[in-house]
Amino acid sequence: MIENLHSPHRRLIELRMEHADLDNLIDRAAEQSPVDELSLRRLKKRRLLLRDQIATLELMLDPKEPA
């Protein structure tokens, strides 16, 4: 059971959920008036970091076959 809590598949799901949450936050922050540019940039930077982590984990779990 403990192994499932720390499995790479579970981590991937958590990262995707966090990425989706950030997408929603960014959308809502962009609609506010006035827009807090600093907060928006920080959210976008965090979202990019998550996207990189997701891509790395996906490659680790399902490596591409050599040509």
C-alpha atoms as a PDB file:
ATOM      1  CA  MET A   1       0.000   0.000   0.000  1.00  0.00           C
ATOM      2  CA  ILE A   2       2.797   2.432   0.884  1.00  0.00           C
ATOM      3  CA  GLU A   3       4.430   1.714  -2.490  1.00  0.00           C
ATOM      4  CA  ASN A   4       1.289   2.910  -4.300  1.00  0.00           C
ATOM      5  CA  LEU A   5       1.432   6.241  -2.455  1.00  0.00           C
ATOM      6  CA  HIS A   6       4.868   6.951  -3.886  1.00  0.00           C
ATOM      7  CA  SER A   7       4.600   5.290  -7.282  1.00  0.00           C
ATOM      8  CA  PRO A   8       5.633   7.239 -10.386  1.00  0.00           C
ATOM      9  CA  HIS A   9       2.160   6.723 -11.870  1.00  0.00           C
ATOM     10  CA  ARG A  10       0.532   8.333  -8.842  1.00  0.00           C
ATOM     11  CA  ARG A  11       3.024  11.207  -8.971  1.00  0.00           C
ATOM     12  CA  LEU A  12       2.165  11.742 -12.632  1.00  0.00           C
ATOM     13  CA  ILE A  13      -1.530  11.951 -11.812  1.00  0.00           C
ATOM     14  CA  GLU A  14      -0.839  14.435  -9.015  1.00  0.00           C
ATOM     15  CA  LEU A  15       1.291  16.610 -11.308  1.00  0.00           C
ATOM     16  CA  ARG A  16      -1.409  16.607 -13.995  1.00  0.00           C
ATOM     17  CA  MET A  17      -4.032  17.608 -11.438  1.00  0.00           C
ATOM     18  CA  GLU A  18      -1.851  20.428 -10.135  1.00  0.00           C
ATOM     19  CA  HIS A  19      -1.226  21.576 -13.726  1.00  0.00           C
ATOM     20  CA  ALA A  20      -4.972  21.665 -14.397  1.00  0.00           C
ATOM     21  CA  ASP A  21      -5.545  23.626 -11.171  1.00  0.00           C
ATOM     22  CA  LEU A  22      -2.914  26.146 -12.231  1.00  0.00           C
ATOM     23  CA  ASP A  23      -4.584  26.480 -15.643  1.00  0.00           C
ATOM     24  CA  ASN A  24      -7.809  27.430 -13.894  1.00  0.00           C
ATOM     25  CA  LEU A  25      -6.045  29.852 -11.558  1.00  0.00           C
ATOM     26  CA  ILE A  26      -4.256  31.525 -14.461  1.00  0.00           C
ATOM     27  CA  ASP A  27      -7.510  31.885 -16.399  1.00  0.00           C
ATOM     28  CA  ARG A  28      -9.247  33.471 -13.419  1.00  0.00           C
ATOM     29  CA  ALA A  29      -6.296  35.740 -12.622  1.00  0.00           C
ATOM     30  CA  ALA A  30      -6.161  36.971 -16.223  1.00  0.00           C
ATOM     31  CA  GLU A  31      -9.851  37.924 -16.079  1.00  0.00           C
ATOM     32  CA  GLN A  32      -9.466  40.064 -12.962  1.00  0.00           C
ATOM     33  CA  SER A  33      -9.173  43.773 -13.232  1.00  0.00           C
ATOM     34  CA  PRO A  34      -6.569  45.044 -12.629  1.00  0.00           C
ATOM     35  CA  VAL A  35      -4.383  42.082 -13.549  1.00  0.00           C
ATOM     36  CA  ASP A  36      -1.594  41.304 -11.091  1.00  0.00           C
ATOM     37  CA  GLU A  37       1.169  40.726 -13.641  1.00  0.00           C
ATOM     38  CA  LEU A  38       3.714  39.479 -11.099  1.00  0.00           C
ATOM     39  CA  SER A  39       1.388  36.824  -9.698  1.00  0.00           C
ATOM     40  CA  LEU A  40       0.347  35.820 -13.198  1.00  0.00           C
ATOM     41  CA  ARG A  41       3.986  35.381 -14.258  1.00  0.00           C
ATOM     42  CA  ARG A  42       4.723  33.306 -11.166  1.00  0.00           C
ATOM     43  CA  LEU A  43       1.743  31.033 -11.840  1.00  0.00           C
ATOM     44  CA  LYS A  44       2.786  30.592 -15.466  1.00  0.00           C
ATOM     45  CA  LYS A  45       6.360  29.819 -14.459  1.00  0.00           C
ATOM     46  CA  ARG A  46       5.133  27.183 -12.004  1.00  0.00           C
ATOM     47  CA  ARG A  47       2.894  25.709 -14.706  1.00  0.00           C
ATOM     48  CA  LEU A  48       5.873  25.437 -17.086  1.00  0.00           C
ATOM     49  CA  LEU A  49       7.905  23.705 -14.387  1.00  0.00           C
ATOM     50  CA  LEU A  50       5.081  21.229 -13.862  1.00  0.00           C
ATOM     51  CA  ARG A  51       4.837  20.600 -17.604  1.00  0.00           C
ATOM     52  CA  ASP A  52       8.557  19.791 -17.680  1.00  0.00           C
ATOM     53  CA  GLN A  53       8.211  17.445 -14.709  1.00  0.00           C
ATOM     54  CA  ILE A  54       5.249  15.708 -16.356  1.00  0.00           C
ATOM     55  CA  ALA A  55       7.172  15.247 -19.615  1.00  0.00           C
ATOM     56  CA  THR A  56      10.187  13.838 -17.778  1.00  0.00           C
ATOM     57  CA  LEU A  57       8.066  11.415 -15.801  1.00  0.00           C
ATOM     58  CA  GLU A  58       6.163  10.318 -18.912  1.00  0.00           C
ATOM     59  CA  LEU A  59       9.453   9.541 -20.669  1.00  0.00           C
ATOM     60  CA  MET A  60      10.647   7.586 -17.654  1.00  0.00           C
ATOM     61  CA  LEU A  61       7.445   5.535 -17.520  1.00  0.00           C
ATOM     62  CA  ASP A  62       7.093   4.986 -21.263  1.00  0.00           C
ATOM     63  CA  PRO A  63      10.489   5.447 -22.937  1.00  0.00           C
ATOM     64  CA  LYS A  64      10.561   5.911 -26.692  1.00  0.00           C
ATOM     65  CA  GLU A  65      11.961   3.000 -28.656  1.00  0.00           C
ATOM     66  CA  PRO A  66      15.171   3.724 -30.552  1.00  0.00           C
ATOM     67  CA  ALA A  67      14.755   4.103 -34.307  1.00  0.00           C
END
